[in-house]
Amino acid sequence: EIQTADLCDANEDRVRVLEPMLASYGGL
């Protein structure tokens, strides 16, 4: 199950975060 906040917390030194600029349109 994907939860980006939890993934960021657990892997803070390994991730890059996209600026909040895109909206979600898909069914997933």
mmCIF file of all heavy atoms, coordinates in Angstrom:
data_MODEL
# 
_entry.id   MODEL 
# 
loop_
_atom_site.group_PDB 
_atom_site.id 
_atom_site.type_symbol 
_atom_site.label_atom_id 
_atom_site.label_alt_id 
_atom_site.label_comp_id 
_atom_site.label_asym_id 
_atom_site.label_entity_id 
_atom_site.label_seq_id 
_atom_site.pdbx_PDB_ins_code 
_atom_site.Cartn_x 
_atom_site.Cartn_y 
_atom_site.Cartn_z 
_atom_site.occupancy 
_atom_site.B_iso_or_equiv 
_atom_site.pdbx_formal_charge 
_atom_site.auth_seq_id 
_atom_site.auth_comp_id 
_atom_site.auth_asym_id 
_atom_site.auth_atom_id 
_atom_site.pdbx_PDB_model_num 
ATOM 1   N N   . GLU A 1 1  ? 0.861  -1.184 0.000   1.00 0.00 ? 1  GLU A N   1 
ATOM 2   C CA  . GLU A 1 1  ? 0.000  0.000  0.000   1.00 0.00 ? 1  GLU A CA  1 
ATOM 3   C C   . GLU A 1 1  ? 0.895  1.231  0.000   1.00 0.00 ? 1  GLU A C   1 
ATOM 4   O O   . GLU A 1 1  ? 1.812  1.357  0.809   1.00 0.00 ? 1  GLU A O   1 
ATOM 5   C CB  . GLU A 1 1  ? -0.894 0.011  1.235   1.00 0.00 ? 1  GLU A CB  1 
ATOM 6   C CG  . GLU A 1 1  ? -1.863 1.175  1.230   1.00 0.00 ? 1  GLU A CG  1 
ATOM 7   C CD  . GLU A 1 1  ? -2.794 1.158  2.432   1.00 0.00 ? 1  GLU A CD  1 
ATOM 8   O OE1 . GLU A 1 1  ? -3.222 0.071  2.844   1.00 0.00 ? 1  GLU A OE1 1 
ATOM 9   O OE2 . GLU A 1 1  ? -3.071 2.255  2.934   1.00 0.00 ? 1  GLU A OE2 1 
ATOM 10  N N   . ILE A 1 2  ? 0.639  2.140  -0.928  1.00 0.00 ? 2  ILE A N   1 
ATOM 11  C CA  . ILE A 1 2  ? 1.505  3.308  -1.080  1.00 0.00 ? 2  ILE A CA  1 
ATOM 12  C C   . ILE A 1 2  ? 0.978  4.467  -0.253  1.00 0.00 ? 2  ILE A C   1 
ATOM 13  O O   . ILE A 1 2  ? -0.171 4.891  -0.405  1.00 0.00 ? 2  ILE A O   1 
ATOM 14  C CB  . ILE A 1 2  ? 1.620  3.698  -2.560  1.00 0.00 ? 2  ILE A CB  1 
ATOM 15  C CG1 . ILE A 1 2  ? 2.350  2.573  -3.293  1.00 0.00 ? 2  ILE A CG1 1 
ATOM 16  C CG2 . ILE A 1 2  ? 2.331  5.038  -2.730  1.00 0.00 ? 2  ILE A CG2 1 
ATOM 17  C CD1 . ILE A 1 2  ? 2.398  2.711  -4.766  1.00 0.00 ? 2  ILE A CD1 1 
ATOM 18  N N   . GLN A 1 3  ? 1.831  4.933  0.648   1.00 0.00 ? 3  GLN A N   1 
ATOM 19  C CA  . GLN A 1 3  ? 1.561  6.128  1.440   1.00 0.00 ? 3  GLN A CA  1 
ATOM 20  C C   . GLN A 1 3  ? 2.845  6.954  1.398   1.00 0.00 ? 3  GLN A C   1 
ATOM 21  O O   . GLN A 1 3  ? 3.805  6.662  2.109   1.00 0.00 ? 3  GLN A O   1 
ATOM 22  C CB  . GLN A 1 3  ? 1.175  5.774  2.874   1.00 0.00 ? 3  GLN A CB  1 
ATOM 23  C CG  . GLN A 1 3  ? -0.133 4.999  2.939   1.00 0.00 ? 3  GLN A CG  1 
ATOM 24  C CD  . GLN A 1 3  ? -0.490 4.591  4.350   1.00 0.00 ? 3  GLN A CD  1 
ATOM 25  O OE1 . GLN A 1 3  ? 0.377  4.309  5.176   1.00 0.00 ? 3  GLN A OE1 1 
ATOM 26  N NE2 . GLN A 1 3  ? -1.779 4.551  4.628   1.00 0.00 ? 3  GLN A NE2 1 
ATOM 27  N N   . THR A 1 4  ? 2.846  7.988  0.554   1.00 0.00 ? 4  THR A N   1 
ATOM 28  C CA  . THR A 1 4  ? 4.086  8.736  0.337   1.00 0.00 ? 4  THR A CA  1 
ATOM 29  C C   . THR A 1 4  ? 4.605  9.397  1.605   1.00 0.00 ? 4  THR A C   1 
ATOM 30  O O   . THR A 1 4  ? 5.822  9.486  1.785   1.00 0.00 ? 4  THR A O   1 
ATOM 31  C CB  . THR A 1 4  ? 3.914  9.782  -0.778  1.00 0.00 ? 4  THR A CB  1 
ATOM 32  O OG1 . THR A 1 4  ? 2.857  10.676 -0.443  1.00 0.00 ? 4  THR A OG1 1 
ATOM 33  C CG2 . THR A 1 4  ? 3.638  9.114  -2.118  1.00 0.00 ? 4  THR A CG2 1 
ATOM 34  N N   . ALA A 1 5  ? 3.726  9.837  2.482   1.00 0.00 ? 5  ALA A N   1 
ATOM 35  C CA  . ALA A 1 5  ? 4.191  10.464 3.726   1.00 0.00 ? 5  ALA A CA  1 
ATOM 36  C C   . ALA A 1 5  ? 4.998  9.474  4.561   1.00 0.00 ? 5  ALA A C   1 
ATOM 37  O O   . ALA A 1 5  ? 6.087  9.797  5.059   1.00 0.00 ? 5  ALA A O   1 
ATOM 38  C CB  . ALA A 1 5  ? 3.012  11.009 4.522   1.00 0.00 ? 5  ALA A CB  1 
ATOM 39  N N   . ASP A 1 6  ? 4.487  8.256  4.700   1.00 0.00 ? 6  ASP A N   1 
ATOM 40  C CA  . ASP A 1 6  ? 5.204  7.231  5.465   1.00 0.00 ? 6  ASP A CA  1 
ATOM 41  C C   . ASP A 1 6  ? 6.500  6.820  4.764   1.00 0.00 ? 6  ASP A C   1 
ATOM 42  O O   . ASP A 1 6  ? 7.529  6.606  5.414   1.00 0.00 ? 6  ASP A O   1 
ATOM 43  C CB  . ASP A 1 6  ? 4.321  6.004  5.674   1.00 0.00 ? 6  ASP A CB  1 
ATOM 44  C CG  . ASP A 1 6  ? 3.149  6.281  6.615   1.00 0.00 ? 6  ASP A CG  1 
ATOM 45  O OD1 . ASP A 1 6  ? 3.187  7.302  7.333   1.00 0.00 ? 6  ASP A OD1 1 
ATOM 46  O OD2 . ASP A 1 6  ? 2.198  5.476  6.615   1.00 0.00 ? 6  ASP A OD2 1 
ATOM 47  N N   . LEU A 1 7  ? 6.457  6.711  3.439   1.00 0.00 ? 7  LEU A N   1 
ATOM 48  C CA  . LEU A 1 7  ? 7.671  6.372  2.696   1.00 0.00 ? 7  LEU A CA  1 
ATOM 49  C C   . LEU A 1 7  ? 8.727  7.460  2.853   1.00 0.00 ? 7  LEU A C   1 
ATOM 50  O O   . LEU A 1 7  ? 9.916  7.154  2.993   1.00 0.00 ? 7  LEU A O   1 
ATOM 51  C CB  . LEU A 1 7  ? 7.354  6.150  1.216   1.00 0.00 ? 7  LEU A CB  1 
ATOM 52  C CG  . LEU A 1 7  ? 6.615  4.854  0.883   1.00 0.00 ? 7  LEU A CG  1 
ATOM 53  C CD1 . LEU A 1 7  ? 6.150  4.867  -0.572  1.00 0.00 ? 7  LEU A CD1 1 
ATOM 54  C CD2 . LEU A 1 7  ? 7.481  3.635  1.164   1.00 0.00 ? 7  LEU A CD2 1 
ATOM 55  N N   . CYS A 1 8  ? 8.297  8.718  2.848   1.00 0.00 ? 8  CYS A N   1 
ATOM 56  C CA  . CYS A 1 8  ? 9.242  9.827  3.072   1.00 0.00 ? 8  CYS A CA  1 
ATOM 57  C C   . CYS A 1 8  ? 9.874  9.743  4.455   1.00 0.00 ? 8  CYS A C   1 
ATOM 58  O O   . CYS A 1 8  ? 11.086 9.913  4.603   1.00 0.00 ? 8  CYS A O   1 
ATOM 59  C CB  . CYS A 1 8  ? 8.538  11.179 2.926   1.00 0.00 ? 8  CYS A CB  1 
ATOM 60  S SG  . CYS A 1 8  ? 8.388  11.741 1.243   1.00 0.00 ? 8  CYS A SG  1 
ATOM 61  N N   . ASP A 1 9  ? 9.044  9.490  5.463   1.00 0.00 ? 9  ASP A N   1 
ATOM 62  C CA  . ASP A 1 9  ? 9.547  9.410  6.837   1.00 0.00 ? 9  ASP A CA  1 
ATOM 63  C C   . ASP A 1 9  ? 10.563 8.286  6.994   1.00 0.00 ? 9  ASP A C   1 
ATOM 64  O O   . ASP A 1 9  ? 11.591 8.453  7.643   1.00 0.00 ? 9  ASP A O   1 
ATOM 65  C CB  . ASP A 1 9  ? 8.394  9.191  7.823   1.00 0.00 ? 9  ASP A CB  1 
ATOM 66  C CG  . ASP A 1 9  ? 7.489  10.400 7.960   1.00 0.00 ? 9  ASP A CG  1 
ATOM 67  O OD1 . ASP A 1 9  ? 7.845  11.483 7.446   1.00 0.00 ? 9  ASP A OD1 1 
ATOM 68  O OD2 . ASP A 1 9  ? 6.411  10.252 8.565   1.00 0.00 ? 9  ASP A OD2 1 
ATOM 69  N N   . ALA A 1 10 ? 10.274 7.138  6.383   1.00 0.00 ? 10 ALA A N   1 
ATOM 70  C CA  . ALA A 1 10 ? 11.138 5.968  6.551   1.00 0.00 ? 10 ALA A CA  1 
ATOM 71  C C   . ALA A 1 10 ? 12.377 6.012  5.651   1.00 0.00 ? 10 ALA A C   1 
ATOM 72  O O   . ALA A 1 10 ? 13.333 5.274  5.891   1.00 0.00 ? 10 ALA A O   1 
ATOM 73  C CB  . ALA A 1 10 ? 10.338 4.700  6.256   1.00 0.00 ? 10 ALA A CB  1 
ATOM 74  N N   . ASN A 1 11 ? 12.348 6.856  4.619   1.00 0.00 ? 11 ASN A N   1 
ATOM 75  C CA  . ASN A 1 11 ? 13.445 6.871  3.645   1.00 0.00 ? 11 ASN A CA  1 
ATOM 76  C C   . ASN A 1 11 ? 13.874 8.292  3.309   1.00 0.00 ? 11 ASN A C   1 
ATOM 77  O O   . ASN A 1 11 ? 14.224 8.591  2.170   1.00 0.00 ? 11 ASN A O   1 
ATOM 78  C CB  . ASN A 1 11 ? 12.991 6.172  2.354   1.00 0.00 ? 11 ASN A CB  1 
ATOM 79  C CG  . ASN A 1 11 ? 12.557 4.748  2.574   1.00 0.00 ? 11 ASN A CG  1 
ATOM 80  O OD1 . ASN A 1 11 ? 13.379 3.845  2.625   1.00 0.00 ? 11 ASN A OD1 1 
ATOM 81  N ND2 . ASN A 1 11 ? 11.257 4.536  2.707   1.00 0.00 ? 11 ASN A ND2 1 
ATOM 82  N N   . GLU A 1 12 ? 13.867 9.161  4.301   1.00 0.00 ? 12 GLU A N   1 
ATOM 83  C CA  . GLU A 1 12 ? 14.059 10.597 4.077   1.00 0.00 ? 12 GLU A CA  1 
ATOM 84  C C   . GLU A 1 12 ? 15.300 10.942 3.264   1.00 0.00 ? 12 GLU A C   1 
ATOM 85  O O   . GLU A 1 12 ? 15.277 11.829 2.410   1.00 0.00 ? 12 GLU A O   1 
ATOM 86  C CB  . GLU A 1 12 ? 14.102 11.328 5.414   1.00 0.00 ? 12 GLU A CB  1 
ATOM 87  C CG  . GLU A 1 12 ? 14.048 12.824 5.273   1.00 0.00 ? 12 GLU A CG  1 
ATOM 88  C CD  . GLU A 1 12 ? 13.856 13.515 6.619   1.00 0.00 ? 12 GLU A CD  1 
ATOM 89  O OE1 . GLU A 1 12 ? 13.525 12.850 7.606   1.00 0.00 ? 12 GLU A OE1 1 
ATOM 90  O OE2 . GLU A 1 12 ? 14.056 14.731 6.643   1.00 0.00 ? 12 GLU A OE2 1 
ATOM 91  N N   . ASP A 1 13 ? 16.382 10.226 3.479   1.00 0.00 ? 13 ASP A N   1 
ATOM 92  C CA  . ASP A 1 13 ? 17.628 10.540 2.775   1.00 0.00 ? 13 ASP A CA  1 
ATOM 93  C C   . ASP A 1 13 ? 17.691 9.928  1.373   1.00 0.00 ? 13 ASP A C   1 
ATOM 94  O O   . ASP A 1 13 ? 18.640 10.172 0.630   1.00 0.00 ? 13 ASP A O   1 
ATOM 95  C CB  . ASP A 1 13 ? 18.828 10.065 3.588   1.00 0.00 ? 13 ASP A CB  1 
ATOM 96  C CG  . ASP A 1 13 ? 18.792 8.572  3.890   1.00 0.00 ? 13 ASP A CG  1 
ATOM 97  O OD1 . ASP A 1 13 ? 17.701 7.970  3.872   1.00 0.00 ? 13 ASP A OD1 1 
ATOM 98  O OD2 . ASP A 1 13 ? 19.871 7.994  4.129   1.00 0.00 ? 13 ASP A OD2 1 
ATOM 99  N N   . ARG A 1 14 ? 16.671 9.150  0.991   1.00 0.00 ? 14 ARG A N   1 
ATOM 100 C CA  . ARG A 1 14 ? 16.688 8.450  -0.296  1.00 0.00 ? 14 ARG A CA  1 
ATOM 101 C C   . ARG A 1 14 ? 15.663 8.963  -1.298  1.00 0.00 ? 14 ARG A C   1 
ATOM 102 O O   . ARG A 1 14 ? 15.608 8.452  -2.416  1.00 0.00 ? 14 ARG A O   1 
ATOM 103 C CB  . ARG A 1 14 ? 16.421 6.962  -0.073  1.00 0.00 ? 14 ARG A CB  1 
ATOM 104 C CG  . ARG A 1 14 ? 17.479 6.273  0.762   1.00 0.00 ? 14 ARG A CG  1 
ATOM 105 C CD  . ARG A 1 14 ? 17.147 4.802  0.987   1.00 0.00 ? 14 ARG A CD  1 
ATOM 106 N NE  . ARG A 1 14 ? 16.855 4.118  -0.265  1.00 0.00 ? 14 ARG A NE  1 
ATOM 107 C CZ  . ARG A 1 14 ? 16.040 3.077  -0.341  1.00 0.00 ? 14 ARG A CZ  1 
ATOM 108 N NH1 . ARG A 1 14 ? 15.436 2.603  0.718   1.00 0.00 ? 14 ARG A NH1 1 
ATOM 109 N NH2 . ARG A 1 14 ? 15.813 2.492  -1.513  1.00 0.00 ? 14 ARG A NH2 1 
ATOM 110 N N   . VAL A 1 15 ? 14.819 9.934  -0.913  1.00 0.00 ? 15 VAL A N   1 
ATOM 111 C CA  . VAL A 1 15 ? 13.736 10.354 -1.802  1.00 0.00 ? 15 VAL A CA  1 
ATOM 112 C C   . VAL A 1 15 ? 13.863 11.817 -2.207  1.00 0.00 ? 15 VAL A C   1 
ATOM 113 O O   . VAL A 1 15 ? 14.425 12.630 -1.491  1.00 0.00 ? 15 VAL A O   1 
ATOM 114 C CB  . VAL A 1 15 ? 12.341 10.125 -1.172  1.00 0.00 ? 15 VAL A CB  1 
ATOM 115 C CG1 . VAL A 1 15 ? 12.115 8.658  -0.868  1.00 0.00 ? 15 VAL A CG1 1 
ATOM 116 C CG2 . VAL A 1 15 ? 12.128 10.964 0.051   1.00 0.00 ? 15 VAL A CG2 1 
ATOM 117 N N   . ARG A 1 16 ? 13.312 12.105 -3.366  1.00 0.00 ? 16 ARG A N   1 
ATOM 118 C CA  . ARG A 1 16 ? 13.132 13.472 -3.840  1.00 0.00 ? 16 ARG A CA  1 
ATOM 119 C C   . ARG A 1 16 ? 11.632 13.670 -3.987  1.00 0.00 ? 16 ARG A C   1 
ATOM 120 O O   . ARG A 1 16 ? 10.921 12.773 -4.447  1.00 0.00 ? 16 ARG A O   1 
ATOM 121 C CB  . ARG A 1 16 ? 13.858 13.674 -5.175  1.00 0.00 ? 16 ARG A CB  1 
ATOM 122 C CG  . ARG A 1 16 ? 15.378 13.541 -5.024  1.00 0.00 ? 16 ARG A CG  1 
ATOM 123 C CD  . ARG A 1 16 ? 16.133 13.614 -6.342  1.00 0.00 ? 16 ARG A CD  1 
ATOM 124 N NE  . ARG A 1 16 ? 15.613 12.836 -7.454  1.00 0.00 ? 16 ARG A NE  1 
ATOM 125 C CZ  . ARG A 1 16 ? 15.791 11.526 -7.640  1.00 0.00 ? 16 ARG A CZ  1 
ATOM 126 N NH1 . ARG A 1 16 ? 16.472 10.828 -6.757  1.00 0.00 ? 16 ARG A NH1 1 
ATOM 127 N NH2 . ARG A 1 16 ? 15.304 10.918 -8.704  1.00 0.00 ? 16 ARG A NH2 1 
ATOM 128 N N   . VAL A 1 17 ? 11.155 14.846 -3.602  1.00 0.00 ? 17 VAL A N   1 
ATOM 129 C CA  . VAL A 1 17 ? 9.719  15.117 -3.593  1.00 0.00 ? 17 VAL A CA  1 
ATOM 130 C C   . VAL A 1 17 ? 9.386  16.146 -4.670  1.00 0.00 ? 17 VAL A C   1 
ATOM 131 O O   . VAL A 1 17 ? 9.963  17.233 -4.699  1.00 0.00 ? 17 VAL A O   1 
ATOM 132 C CB  . VAL A 1 17 ? 9.264  15.635 -2.206  1.00 0.00 ? 17 VAL A CB  1 
ATOM 133 C CG1 . VAL A 1 17 ? 7.774  15.922 -2.206  1.00 0.00 ? 17 VAL A CG1 1 
ATOM 134 C CG2 . VAL A 1 17 ? 9.627  14.622 -1.118  1.00 0.00 ? 17 VAL A CG2 1 
ATOM 135 N N   . LEU A 1 18 ? 8.446  15.802 -5.528  1.00 0.00 ? 18 LEU A N   1 
ATOM 136 C CA  . LEU A 1 18 ? 7.994  16.723 -6.567  1.00 0.00 ? 18 LEU A CA  1 
ATOM 137 C C   . LEU A 1 18 ? 7.253  17.889 -5.935  1.00 0.00 ? 18 LEU A C   1 
ATOM 138 O O   . LEU A 1 18 ? 6.449  17.700 -5.016  1.00 0.00 ? 18 LEU A O   1 
ATOM 139 C CB  . LEU A 1 18 ? 7.067  16.001 -7.543  1.00 0.00 ? 18 LEU A CB  1 
ATOM 140 C CG  . LEU A 1 18 ? 6.595  16.810 -8.742  1.00 0.00 ? 18 LEU A CG  1 
ATOM 141 C CD1 . LEU A 1 18 ? 7.741  17.021 -9.732  1.00 0.00 ? 18 LEU A CD1 1 
ATOM 142 C CD2 . LEU A 1 18 ? 5.434  16.116 -9.430  1.00 0.00 ? 18 LEU A CD2 1 
ATOM 143 N N   . GLU A 1 19 ? 7.523  19.094 -6.422  1.00 0.00 ? 19 GLU A N   1 
ATOM 144 C CA  . GLU A 1 19 ? 6.778  20.260 -5.949  1.00 0.00 ? 19 GLU A CA  1 
ATOM 145 C C   . GLU A 1 19 ? 5.286  20.005 -6.156  1.00 0.00 ? 19 GLU A C   1 
ATOM 146 O O   . GLU A 1 19 ? 4.897  19.353 -7.128  1.00 0.00 ? 19 GLU A O   1 
ATOM 147 C CB  . GLU A 1 19 ? 7.203  21.500 -6.738  1.00 0.00 ? 19 GLU A CB  1 
ATOM 148 C CG  . GLU A 1 19 ? 8.640  21.898 -6.498  1.00 0.00 ? 19 GLU A CG  1 
ATOM 149 C CD  . GLU A 1 19 ? 9.137  22.953 -7.470  1.00 0.00 ? 19 GLU A CD  1 
ATOM 150 O OE1 . GLU A 1 19 ? 8.362  23.449 -8.321  1.00 0.00 ? 19 GLU A OE1 1 
ATOM 151 O OE2 . GLU A 1 19 ? 10.335 23.279 -7.398  1.00 0.00 ? 19 GLU A OE2 1 
ATOM 152 N N   . PRO A 1 20 ? 4.427  20.520 -5.268  1.00 0.00 ? 20 PRO A N   1 
ATOM 153 C CA  . PRO A 1 20 ? 2.982  20.267 -5.402  1.00 0.00 ? 20 PRO A CA  1 
ATOM 154 C C   . PRO A 1 20 ? 2.386  21.063 -6.563  1.00 0.00 ? 20 PRO A C   1 
ATOM 155 O O   . PRO A 1 20 ? 1.898  22.177 -6.394  1.00 0.00 ? 20 PRO A O   1 
ATOM 156 C CB  . PRO A 1 20 ? 2.415  20.709 -4.057  1.00 0.00 ? 20 PRO A CB  1 
ATOM 157 C CG  . PRO A 1 20 ? 3.416  21.667 -3.517  1.00 0.00 ? 20 PRO A CG  1 
ATOM 158 C CD  . PRO A 1 20 ? 4.745  21.265 -4.061  1.00 0.00 ? 20 PRO A CD  1 
ATOM 159 N N   . MET A 1 21 ? 2.449  20.472 -7.748  1.00 0.00 ? 21 MET A N   1 
ATOM 160 C CA  . MET A 1 21 ? 2.035  21.168 -8.955  1.00 0.00 ? 21 MET A CA  1 
ATOM 161 C C   . MET A 1 21 ? 1.093  20.360 -9.838  1.00 0.00 ? 21 MET A C   1 
ATOM 162 O O   . MET A 1 21 ? 0.480  20.896 -10.742 1.00 0.00 ? 21 MET A O   1 
ATOM 163 C CB  . MET A 1 21 ? 3.279  21.548 -9.768  1.00 0.00 ? 21 MET A CB  1 
ATOM 164 C CG  . MET A 1 21 ? 4.146  20.356 -10.110 1.00 0.00 ? 21 MET A CG  1 
ATOM 165 S SD  . MET A 1 21 ? 5.782  20.769 -10.725 1.00 0.00 ? 21 MET A SD  1 
ATOM 166 C CE  . MET A 1 21 ? 5.422  21.209 -12.386 1.00 0.00 ? 21 MET A CE  1 
ATOM 167 N N   . LEU A 1 22 ? 0.977  19.066 -9.580  1.00 0.00 ? 22 LEU A N   1 
ATOM 168 C CA  . LEU A 1 22 ? 0.150  18.194 -10.407 1.00 0.00 ? 22 LEU A CA  1 
ATOM 169 C C   . LEU A 1 22 ? -1.091 17.753 -9.649  1.00 0.00 ? 22 LEU A C   1 
ATOM 170 O O   . LEU A 1 22 ? -1.057 17.585 -8.436  1.00 0.00 ? 22 LEU A O   1 
ATOM 171 C CB  . LEU A 1 22 ? 0.937  16.963 -10.854 1.00 0.00 ? 22 LEU A CB  1 
ATOM 172 C CG  . LEU A 1 22 ? 2.252  17.203 -11.593 1.00 0.00 ? 22 LEU A CG  1 
ATOM 173 C CD1 . LEU A 1 22 ? 2.904  15.868 -11.949 1.00 0.00 ? 22 LEU A CD1 1 
ATOM 174 C CD2 . LEU A 1 22 ? 2.038  18.037 -12.834 1.00 0.00 ? 22 LEU A CD2 1 
ATOM 175 N N   . ALA A 1 23 ? -2.174 17.533 -10.383 1.00 0.00 ? 23 ALA A N   1 
ATOM 176 C CA  . ALA A 1 23 ? -3.413 17.029 -9.802  1.00 0.00 ? 23 ALA A CA  1 
ATOM 177 C C   . ALA A 1 23 ? -3.616 15.575 -10.232 1.00 0.00 ? 23 ALA A C   1 
ATOM 178 O O   . ALA A 1 23 ? -3.150 15.159 -11.286 1.00 0.00 ? 23 ALA A O   1 
ATOM 179 C CB  . ALA A 1 23 ? -4.591 17.883 -10.259 1.00 0.00 ? 23 ALA A CB  1 
ATOM 180 N N   . SER A 1 24 ? -4.338 14.834 -9.408  1.00 0.00 ? 24 SER A N   1 
ATOM 181 C CA  . SER A 1 24 ? -4.644 13.436 -9.694  1.00 0.00 ? 24 SER A CA  1 
ATOM 182 C C   . SER A 1 24 ? -5.940 13.348 -10.487 1.00 0.00 ? 24 SER A C   1 
ATOM 183 O O   . SER A 1 24 ? -6.952 13.931 -10.101 1.00 0.00 ? 24 SER A O   1 
ATOM 184 C CB  . SER A 1 24 ? -4.773 12.652 -8.388  1.00 0.00 ? 24 SER A CB  1 
ATOM 185 O OG  . SER A 1 24 ? -5.132 11.316 -8.649  1.00 0.00 ? 24 SER A OG  1 
ATOM 186 N N   . TYR A 1 25 ? -5.911 12.593 -11.590 1.00 0.00 ? 25 TYR A N   1 
ATOM 187 C CA  . TYR A 1 25 ? -7.099 12.445 -12.440 1.00 0.00 ? 25 TYR A CA  1 
ATOM 188 C C   . TYR A 1 25 ? -7.506 10.994 -12.656 1.00 0.00 ? 25 TYR A C   1 
ATOM 189 O O   . TYR A 1 25 ? -8.609 10.731 -13.128 1.00 0.00 ? 25 TYR A O   1 
ATOM 190 C CB  . TYR A 1 25 ? -6.842 13.088 -13.813 1.00 0.00 ? 25 TYR A CB  1 
ATOM 191 C CG  . TYR A 1 25 ? -6.691 14.587 -13.741 1.00 0.00 ? 25 TYR A CG  1 
ATOM 192 C CD1 . TYR A 1 25 ? -5.437 15.180 -13.716 1.00 0.00 ? 25 TYR A CD1 1 
ATOM 193 C CD2 . TYR A 1 25 ? -7.805 15.411 -13.676 1.00 0.00 ? 25 TYR A CD2 1 
ATOM 194 C CE1 . TYR A 1 25 ? -5.291 16.557 -13.652 1.00 0.00 ? 25 TYR A CE1 1 
ATOM 195 C CE2 . TYR A 1 25 ? -7.668 16.794 -13.597 1.00 0.00 ? 25 TYR A CE2 1 
ATOM 196 C CZ  . TYR A 1 25 ? -6.412 17.349 -13.594 1.00 0.00 ? 25 TYR A CZ  1 
ATOM 197 O OH  . TYR A 1 25 ? -6.260 18.712 -13.517 1.00 0.00 ? 25 TYR A OH  1 
ATOM 198 N N   . GLY A 1 26 ? -6.649 10.046 -12.365 1.00 0.00 ? 26 GLY A N   1 
ATOM 199 C CA  . GLY A 1 26 ? -6.946 8.645  -12.635 1.00 0.00 ? 26 GLY A CA  1 
ATOM 200 C C   . GLY A 1 26 ? -7.808 7.996  -11.582 1.00 0.00 ? 26 GLY A C   1 
ATOM 201 O O   . GLY A 1 26 ? -8.029 8.542  -10.501 1.00 0.00 ? 26 GLY A O   1 
ATOM 202 N N   . GLY A 1 27 ? -8.273 6.805  -11.898 1.00 0.00 ? 27 GLY A N   1 
ATOM 203 C CA  . GLY A 1 27 ? -9.075 6.035  -10.956 1.00 0.00 ? 27 GLY A CA  1 
ATOM 204 C C   . GLY A 1 27 ? -8.262 5.460  -9.820  1.00 0.00 ? 27 GLY A C   1 
ATOM 205 O O   . GLY A 1 27 ? -8.795 5.178  -8.749  1.00 0.00 ? 27 GLY A O   1 
ATOM 206 N N   . LEU A 1 28 ? -6.961 5.271  -10.028 1.00 0.00 ? 28 LEU A N   1 
ATOM 207 C CA  . LEU A 1 28 ? -6.069 4.857  -8.947  1.00 0.00 ? 28 LEU A CA  1 
ATOM 208 C C   . LEU A 1 28 ? -5.475 6.106  -8.317  1.00 0.00 ? 28 LEU A C   1 
ATOM 209 O O   . LEU A 1 28 ? -4.802 6.872  -8.993  1.00 0.00 ? 28 LEU A O   1 
ATOM 210 C CB  . LEU A 1 28 ? -4.920 3.992  -9.479  1.00 0.00 ? 28 LEU A CB  1 
ATOM 211 C CG  . LEU A 1 28 ? -5.176 2.550  -9.821  1.00 0.00 ? 28 LEU A CG  1 
ATOM 212 C CD1 . LEU A 1 28 ? -3.879 1.881  -10.270 1.00 0.00 ? 28 LEU A CD1 1 
ATOM 213 C CD2 . LEU A 1 28 ? -5.784 1.808  -8.666  1.00 0.00 ? 28 LEU A CD2 1 
# 
